[in-house]
């Protein structure tokens, strides 16, 4: 089982394997200069994209995909415990 250090994991499509999930405030800057902020989101790192879910469910209607080739940088600020 993969783990991101916070103990959060998520199941891939079909329930095969596990991917690390980070939760917090997410800032993404694209190579085109666009900036996107997601407050209290969950982020999953896939081979080709950063996947951000507003509620952590990763349901398609609540999820944004950012291809890694389009992202200049991403920052996840974890909530204070």
C-alpha atoms as a PDB file:
ATOM      1  CA  UNK A   1       0.000   0.000   0.000  1.00  0.00           C
ATOM      2  CA  UNK A   2       1.369   3.421  -0.987  1.00  0.00           C
ATOM      3  CA  UNK A   3       1.381   6.182   1.583  1.00  0.00           C
ATOM      4  CA  UNK A   4       2.153   9.897   1.348  1.00  0.00           C
ATOM      5  CA  UNK A   5       3.373  10.264   4.895  1.00  0.00           C
ATOM      6  CA  UNK A   6      -0.004  11.486   6.137  1.00  0.00           C
ATOM      7  CA  UNK A   7      -1.539   8.031   5.954  1.00  0.00           C
ATOM      8  CA  UNK A   8      -3.991   8.995   3.195  1.00  0.00           C
ATOM      9  CA  UNK A   9      -4.395   6.656   0.244  1.00  0.00           C
ATOM     10  CA  UNK A  10      -6.966   6.180  -2.492  1.00  0.00           C
ATOM     11  CA  UNK A  11      -7.940   3.269  -4.706  1.00  0.00           C
ATOM     12  CA  UNK A  12      -7.354   3.502  -8.454  1.00  0.00           C
ATOM     13  CA  UNK A  13     -10.169   2.945 -10.933  1.00  0.00           C
ATOM     14  CA  UNK A  14     -11.381  -0.624 -10.668  1.00  0.00           C
ATOM     15  CA  UNK A  15      -9.975  -0.947  -7.164  1.00  0.00           C
ATOM     16  CA  UNK A  16      -6.542  -1.988  -8.423  1.00  0.00           C
ATOM     17  CA  UNK A  17      -3.550  -0.552  -6.584  1.00  0.00           C
ATOM     18  CA  UNK A  18      -3.393   2.490  -4.336  1.00  0.00           C
ATOM     19  CA  UNK A  19      -2.219   6.029  -5.035  1.00  0.00           C
ATOM     20  CA  UNK A  20      -1.072   8.588  -2.477  1.00  0.00           C
ATOM     21  CA  UNK A  21      -3.513  11.405  -1.750  1.00  0.00           C
ATOM     22  CA  UNK A  22      -2.553  14.735  -0.211  1.00  0.00           C
ATOM     23  CA  UNK A  23      -5.168  16.980   1.361  1.00  0.00           C
ATOM     24  CA  UNK A  24      -5.021  20.736   1.809  1.00  0.00           C
ATOM     25  CA  UNK A  25      -5.079  24.021  -0.047  1.00  0.00           C
ATOM     26  CA  UNK A  26      -3.832  23.567  -3.630  1.00  0.00           C
ATOM     27  CA  UNK A  27      -2.289  26.194  -5.910  1.00  0.00           C
ATOM     28  CA  UNK A  28      -1.527  25.312  -9.519  1.00  0.00           C
ATOM     29  CA  UNK A  29       0.255  27.570 -12.007  1.00  0.00           C
ATOM     30  CA  UNK A  30       0.210  26.556 -15.642  1.00  0.00           C
ATOM     31  CA  UNK A  31       2.938  27.146 -18.209  1.00  0.00           C
ATOM     32  CA  UNK A  32       0.509  29.590 -19.891  1.00  0.00           C
ATOM     33  CA  UNK A  33       0.505  31.776 -16.775  1.00  0.00           C
ATOM     34  CA  UNK A  34      -2.910  30.797 -15.407  1.00  0.00           C
ATOM     35  CA  UNK A  35      -3.257  30.366 -11.638  1.00  0.00           C
ATOM     36  CA  UNK A  36      -5.862  28.105 -10.034  1.00  0.00           C
ATOM     37  CA  UNK A  37      -6.586  27.802  -6.317  1.00  0.00           C
ATOM     38  CA  UNK A  38      -8.481  24.932  -4.691  1.00  0.00           C
ATOM     39  CA  UNK A  39      -9.344  25.345  -1.026  1.00  0.00           C
ATOM     40  CA  UNK A  40      -9.655  22.190   1.103  1.00  0.00           C
ATOM     41  CA  UNK A  41      -9.101  19.730  -1.739  1.00  0.00           C
ATOM     42  CA  UNK A  42      -7.539  16.326  -2.228  1.00  0.00           C
ATOM     43  CA  UNK A  43      -4.745  15.822  -4.784  1.00  0.00           C
ATOM     44  CA  UNK A  44      -3.704  12.567  -6.413  1.00  0.00           C
ATOM     45  CA  UNK A  45      -0.515  12.360  -8.455  1.00  0.00           C
ATOM     46  CA  UNK A  46      -0.874  10.166 -11.539  1.00  0.00           C
ATOM     47  CA  UNK A  47       1.684   9.377 -14.218  1.00  0.00           C
ATOM     48  CA  UNK A  48       0.418  12.015 -16.663  1.00  0.00           C
ATOM     49  CA  UNK A  49      -1.627  14.420 -14.507  1.00  0.00           C
ATOM     50  CA  UNK A  50      -2.336  16.029 -11.166  1.00  0.00           C
ATOM     51  CA  UNK A  51      -5.915  15.177 -10.174  1.00  0.00           C
ATOM     52  CA  UNK A  52      -7.725  17.533  -7.764  1.00  0.00           C
ATOM     53  CA  UNK A  53     -11.017  16.656  -6.091  1.00  0.00           C
ATOM     54  CA  UNK A  54     -13.078  19.190  -4.182  1.00  0.00           C
ATOM     55  CA  UNK A  55     -14.411  16.660  -1.687  1.00  0.00           C
ATOM     56  CA  UNK A  56     -11.890  13.820  -1.874  1.00  0.00           C
ATOM     57  CA  UNK A  57     -14.276  11.456  -3.678  1.00  0.00           C
ATOM     58  CA  UNK A  58     -12.557  11.877  -7.076  1.00  0.00           C
ATOM     59  CA  UNK A  59     -15.986  11.595  -8.710  1.00  0.00           C
ATOM     60  CA  UNK A  60     -15.733  12.909 -12.308  1.00  0.00           C
ATOM     61  CA  UNK A  61     -18.130  15.817 -11.722  1.00  0.00           C
ATOM     62  CA  UNK A  62     -16.101  17.002  -8.696  1.00  0.00           C
ATOM     63  CA  UNK A  63     -12.640  16.460 -10.161  1.00  0.00           C
ATOM     64  CA  UNK A  64     -10.234  18.571 -12.217  1.00  0.00           C
ATOM     65  CA  UNK A  65      -7.339  17.027 -14.146  1.00  0.00           C
ATOM     66  CA  UNK A  66      -4.210  19.048 -14.865  1.00  0.00           C
ATOM     67  CA  UNK A  67      -1.836  17.381 -17.369  1.00  0.00           C
ATOM     68  CA  UNK A  68       1.714  17.512 -16.030  1.00  0.00           C
ATOM     69  CA  UNK A  69       2.924  18.904 -19.360  1.00  0.00           C
ATOM     70  CA  UNK A  70       0.729  22.000 -18.741  1.00  0.00           C
ATOM     71  CA  UNK A  71       1.727  22.604 -15.105  1.00  0.00           C
ATOM     72  CA  UNK A  72       4.626  24.928 -14.274  1.00  0.00           C
ATOM     73  CA  UNK A  73       4.317  24.242 -10.533  1.00  0.00           C
ATOM     74  CA  UNK A  74       1.932  22.935  -7.907  1.00  0.00           C
ATOM     75  CA  UNK A  75       1.877  23.618  -4.175  1.00  0.00           C
ATOM     76  CA  UNK A  76      -0.170  21.758  -1.564  1.00  0.00           C
ATOM     77  CA  UNK A  77      -0.404  23.418   1.844  1.00  0.00           C
ATOM     78  CA  UNK A  78      -1.489  20.918   4.421  1.00  0.00           C
ATOM     79  CA  UNK A  79      -3.928  22.110   7.095  1.00  0.00           C
ATOM     80  CA  UNK A  80      -2.466  22.704  10.515  1.00  0.00           C
ATOM     81  CA  UNK A  81      -3.159  19.930  12.933  1.00  0.00           C
END
